[in-house]
Protein backbone atom coordinates (compact mmCIF):
# COMPACT_ATOMS: atom_id res chain seq x y z
CA MET A 1 31.25 -10.39 29.68
CA TRP A 2 31.21 -10.09 25.91
CA PHE A 3 28.31 -9.21 23.65
CA VAL A 4 27.59 -9.70 19.96
CA TYR A 5 25.43 -6.97 18.47
CA ALA A 6 23.75 -6.10 15.21
CA LEU A 7 23.08 -2.58 14.02
CA ARG A 8 20.82 -1.37 11.21
CA SER A 9 21.98 1.68 9.28
CA GLU A 10 19.18 4.21 9.07
CA ARG A 11 20.86 5.66 5.99
CA ASP A 12 21.20 2.59 3.75
CA ARG A 13 19.27 -0.04 5.81
CA GLY A 14 22.37 -2.30 5.80
CA LEU A 15 23.48 -4.45 8.72
CA TYR A 16 26.64 -4.14 10.80
CA ILE A 17 27.58 -7.00 13.15
CA GLY A 18 30.22 -6.63 15.83
CA MET A 19 31.29 -7.61 19.33
CA SER A 20 32.16 -5.61 22.41
CA THR A 21 32.18 -5.60 26.20
CA ASP A 22 30.14 -2.37 26.19
CA VAL A 23 27.43 -2.28 23.52
CA LYS A 24 26.06 1.11 24.57
CA ARG A 25 29.50 2.72 24.18
CA ARG A 26 30.10 1.00 20.82
CA LEU A 27 26.74 2.16 19.45
CA ALA A 28 27.61 5.73 20.45
CA GLU A 29 31.03 5.40 18.79
CA HIS A 30 29.45 4.14 15.55
CA ASN A 31 26.90 6.95 15.57
CA ARG A 32 29.59 9.60 16.24
CA GLY A 33 31.65 8.38 13.28
CA TYR A 34 34.62 7.06 15.30
CA ASN A 35 34.80 3.93 13.15
CA ARG A 36 36.06 4.78 9.67
CA SER A 37 34.29 1.85 8.04
CA THR A 38 30.85 2.73 9.42
CA ALA A 39 31.01 6.55 9.59
CA PRO A 40 29.40 7.12 6.16
CA ARG A 41 26.50 4.80 7.07
CA ALA A 42 25.53 6.46 10.39
CA PRO A 43 23.18 6.79 12.19
CA PHE A 44 22.62 3.26 13.44
CA LYS A 45 19.89 1.59 15.45
CA LEU A 46 20.57 -1.41 17.68
CA ILE A 47 18.44 -4.35 16.51
CA HIS A 48 19.96 -7.37 18.28
CA VAL A 49 22.24 -8.19 21.25
CA GLU A 50 23.49 -11.56 22.54
CA GLN A 51 25.50 -12.11 25.71
CA CYS A 52 28.44 -14.51 25.47
CA GLU A 53 30.60 -16.19 28.12
CA SER A 54 33.96 -15.35 26.53
CA ARG A 55 35.61 -13.38 23.75
CA GLU A 56 36.11 -16.61 21.82
CA THR A 57 32.42 -17.51 22.07
CA ALA A 58 31.45 -13.99 20.99
CA ARG A 59 33.79 -14.21 18.00
CA GLU A 60 32.28 -17.52 16.90
CA ARG A 61 28.76 -16.12 17.19
CA GLU A 62 29.77 -12.97 15.31
CA LYS A 63 31.17 -15.10 12.49
CA PHE A 64 27.91 -17.08 12.33
CA LEU A 65 25.75 -13.93 12.25
CA LYS A 66 27.88 -12.61 9.37
CA SER A 67 27.15 -15.79 7.37
CA GLY A 68 24.20 -16.11 5.02
CA MET A 69 22.07 -18.06 7.50
CA GLY A 70 22.98 -15.67 10.33
CA ARG A 71 22.00 -12.63 8.28
CA ASP A 72 18.68 -14.31 7.42
CA ILE A 73 18.02 -14.71 11.16
CA LEU A 74 18.83 -11.04 11.79
CA ARG A 75 16.57 -9.94 8.95
CA ALA A 76 13.73 -11.96 10.50
CA VAL A 77 14.43 -10.36 13.90
CA ALA A 78 14.35 -6.94 12.25
CA GLY A 79 10.99 -7.73 10.65
CA GLU A 80 12.07 -7.92 7.02
């Protein structure tokens, strides 16, 4: 089972959107600085998770959430 997730940086309030089979592990990796692109923006808070049937479905949803309309939806979910 694949998941699409959105994180909010507590440092710069920016969003990070990704996909994984283990969201809890990925959040820990982001917060520990294992991902070079997100390390300077840690710590992160999980703000949204969606379960997907396949990797392909998760990738499509991730692409949508990274679009302008998708980010607007995430901002609404986050209460902005």
